[in-house]
Amino acid sequence: MPSLQAPTARLHTAFAEAHQEWGPGLHEDGFGLTLADDVETAAGFAAWVSRLTRAEDPAGGLATSTYRWIVEDDTVLGGIALRHELDEKLGHIGYGVRPSARRRGLATWALTEMLGEARARGLKRVLVVCATDNVASARTILRCGGVMEPSSGPTQRYWIAL
């Protein structure tokens, strides 16, 4: 049974396997990963995990994001991020499921769980964005109550009332 877990350096090897499966240069939504992040070395991975957890509860400041990994039997299956403030380009929530774990309903399950987190944080509605040609993600968002905003660009925007 999968669970949503806070990022942890303990899962470095499991994350590396998922990261390798995505392949070089491909964007892994939901992990807060940037090109500047070193996730190959233990020290770089620990620094990245620390950055993610500081975004959740920075000392003396307001939390900016909540990151969770979709984990089952110590295998990282995907990631999901809730941005506490609206990012017009990325939306409130981004997620990704590694290729070998797709078509199991994990994205719908994780998005539903994160919508509960957004509700608990007092958000009244969230924006979820996906590529226009990402039919699977669009279906996931629609299953979770997404209402499509008219658009003609490379991304599609969906609002979910909480």
Protein backbone atom coordinates (compact mmCIF):
# COMPACT_ATOMS: atom_id res chain seq x y z
CA MET A 1 0.00 0.00 0.00
CA PRO A 2 1.52 3.37 -0.97
CA SER A 3 1.97 6.26 1.41
CA LEU A 4 2.91 9.90 1.09
CA GLN A 5 6.15 10.54 2.95
CA ALA A 6 8.19 13.64 3.60
CA PRO A 7 11.46 13.68 1.65
CA THR A 8 14.23 11.90 3.51
CA ALA A 9 17.90 11.19 2.84
CA ARG A 10 17.18 7.61 3.94
CA LEU A 11 15.57 6.99 0.52
CA HIS A 12 18.57 8.16 -1.53
CA THR A 13 19.03 4.82 -3.31
CA ALA A 14 15.29 4.43 -3.93
CA PHE A 15 15.08 7.97 -5.31
CA ALA A 16 18.14 7.37 -7.52
CA GLU A 17 16.40 4.37 -9.10
CA ALA A 18 13.29 6.42 -9.86
CA HIS A 19 15.40 9.35 -11.11
CA GLN A 20 17.32 7.06 -13.46
CA GLU A 21 14.07 5.62 -14.81
CA TRP A 22 12.88 9.09 -15.85
CA GLY A 23 16.08 9.53 -17.81
CA PRO A 24 18.43 12.47 -18.27
CA GLY A 25 16.93 15.85 -19.06
CA LEU A 26 13.34 14.85 -18.36
CA HIS A 27 11.39 16.89 -15.84
CA GLU A 28 10.21 15.04 -12.76
CA ASP A 29 7.17 16.95 -11.59
CA GLY A 30 6.37 17.01 -7.89
CA PHE A 31 9.90 16.71 -6.55
CA GLY A 32 11.01 20.36 -6.49
CA LEU A 33 14.10 19.30 -8.41
CA THR A 34 16.09 21.98 -10.25
CA LEU A 35 19.01 21.67 -12.64
CA ALA A 36 21.27 23.03 -9.89
CA ASP A 37 20.40 20.20 -7.48
CA ASP A 38 22.98 17.42 -7.08
CA VAL A 39 21.05 14.27 -6.29
CA GLU A 40 23.84 11.89 -7.29
CA THR A 41 26.15 12.30 -4.29
CA ALA A 42 25.10 11.61 -0.71
CA ALA A 43 26.02 15.15 0.36
CA GLY A 44 24.21 16.76 -2.58
CA PHE A 45 21.15 14.60 -2.02
CA ALA A 46 21.08 15.48 1.68
CA ALA A 47 21.35 19.20 0.82
CA TRP A 48 18.47 18.90 -1.65
CA VAL A 49 16.27 17.07 0.89
CA SER A 50 17.16 19.75 3.45
CA ARG A 51 16.05 22.47 1.00
CA LEU A 52 12.73 20.69 0.47
CA THR A 53 12.09 20.31 4.18
CA ARG A 54 13.05 23.96 4.84
CA ALA A 55 10.41 24.96 2.28
CA GLU A 56 7.91 23.17 4.51
CA ASP A 57 8.95 24.75 7.78
CA PRO A 58 11.64 27.40 7.40
CA ALA A 59 12.89 28.69 10.74
CA GLY A 60 11.32 32.02 11.56
CA GLY A 61 9.31 32.22 8.33
CA LEU A 62 6.21 30.96 6.65
CA ALA A 63 6.18 27.60 4.91
CA THR A 64 6.19 27.96 1.13
CA SER A 65 5.59 24.39 -0.06
CA THR A 66 4.79 20.88 1.10
CA TYR A 67 6.67 18.07 -0.65
CA ARG A 68 5.70 14.42 -0.40
CA TRP A 69 7.06 11.32 -2.06
CA ILE A 70 4.81 8.48 -3.12
CA VAL A 71 6.49 5.47 -1.49
CA GLU A 72 5.62 1.79 -1.36
CA ASP A 73 7.87 -0.80 0.29
CA ASP A 74 10.75 1.73 0.36
CA THR A 75 10.41 2.26 -3.41
CA VAL A 76 9.93 5.85 -4.58
CA LEU A 77 7.07 5.75 -7.07
CA GLY A 78 6.59 9.49 -7.54
CA GLY A 79 6.36 12.88 -5.95
CA ILE A 80 3.81 15.61 -5.34
CA ALA A 81 4.23 19.21 -4.28
CA LEU A 82 1.77 21.71 -2.87
CA ARG A 83 2.79 25.35 -3.29
CA HIS A 84 1.10 27.34 -0.56
CA GLU A 85 0.96 30.47 -2.72
CA LEU A 86 -0.28 30.46 -6.29
CA ASP A 87 2.41 30.17 -8.95
CA GLU A 88 0.64 31.29 -12.15
CA LYS A 89 2.90 29.15 -14.34
CA LEU A 90 3.13 25.99 -12.23
CA GLY A 91 -0.11 26.16 -10.26
CA HIS A 92 -0.55 25.09 -6.65
CA ILE A 93 0.07 21.37 -7.13
CA GLY A 94 2.48 19.45 -9.34
CA TYR A 95 3.00 15.71 -9.39
CA GLY A 96 4.77 12.95 -11.26
CA VAL A 97 4.76 9.16 -11.20
CA ARG A 98 7.76 7.18 -12.46
CA PRO A 99 7.08 5.40 -15.76
CA SER A 100 7.02 1.84 -14.35
CA ALA A 101 4.44 2.80 -11.69
CA ARG A 102 1.93 4.50 -13.97
CA ARG A 103 -1.61 3.28 -14.70
CA ARG A 104 -2.16 2.18 -11.08
CA GLY A 105 -4.18 5.20 -9.94
CA LEU A 106 -1.28 6.57 -7.88
CA ALA A 107 -1.53 10.10 -9.29
CA THR A 108 -5.26 10.31 -8.55
CA TRP A 109 -4.71 8.93 -5.04
CA ALA A 110 -1.79 11.32 -4.32
CA LEU A 111 -3.64 14.34 -5.73
CA THR A 112 -6.69 13.52 -3.60
CA GLU A 113 -4.48 13.29 -0.50
CA MET A 114 -2.73 16.59 -1.28
CA LEU A 115 -6.09 18.31 -1.84
CA GLY A 116 -6.84 17.41 1.78
CA GLU A 117 -3.57 19.09 2.81
CA ALA A 118 -4.49 22.18 0.78
CA ARG A 119 -7.92 22.28 2.46
CA ALA A 120 -6.29 21.94 5.89
CA ARG A 121 -4.07 24.93 5.05
CA GLY A 122 -7.16 27.02 4.37
CA LEU A 123 -7.03 27.12 0.57
CA LYS A 124 -10.46 27.42 -1.02
CA ARG A 125 -9.41 26.28 -4.49
CA VAL A 126 -6.21 25.16 -6.19
CA LEU A 127 -4.79 25.45 -9.66
CA VAL A 128 -3.31 22.33 -11.27
CA VAL A 129 -1.50 22.66 -14.60
CA CYS A 130 -0.47 20.02 -17.13
CA ALA A 131 0.82 19.92 -20.69
CA THR A 132 -2.00 20.09 -23.22
CA ASP A 133 -0.91 16.74 -24.71
CA ASN A 134 -0.72 14.97 -21.31
CA VAL A 135 -4.03 13.14 -21.54
CA ALA A 136 -3.37 10.93 -18.50
CA SER A 137 -2.69 13.91 -16.24
CA ALA A 138 -5.73 15.75 -17.55
CA ARG A 139 -7.90 12.73 -16.72
CA THR A 140 -6.39 12.59 -13.23
CA ILE A 141 -7.18 16.24 -12.61
CA LEU A 142 -10.73 15.87 -13.96
CA ARG A 143 -11.32 12.81 -11.71
CA CYS A 144 -10.34 15.00 -8.75
CA GLY A 145 -12.86 17.70 -9.64
CA GLY A 146 -10.79 19.88 -11.96
CA VAL A 147 -12.61 22.41 -14.11
CA MET A 148 -10.69 23.39 -17.24
CA GLU A 149 -9.97 27.03 -17.91
CA PRO A 150 -10.22 28.03 -21.61
CA SER A 151 -6.73 28.00 -23.14
CA SER A 152 -4.89 27.55 -26.42
CA GLY A 153 -1.30 27.31 -25.19
CA PRO A 154 1.08 24.43 -24.47
CA THR A 155 -0.38 23.96 -20.98
CA GLN A 156 -3.87 23.47 -19.69
CA ARG A 157 -5.07 24.97 -16.40
CA TYR A 158 -7.63 23.33 -14.12
CA TRP A 159 -9.19 24.76 -10.96
CA ILE A 160 -10.32 22.44 -8.17
CA ALA A 161 -12.69 23.83 -5.53
CA LEU A 162 -11.98 22.52 -2.05
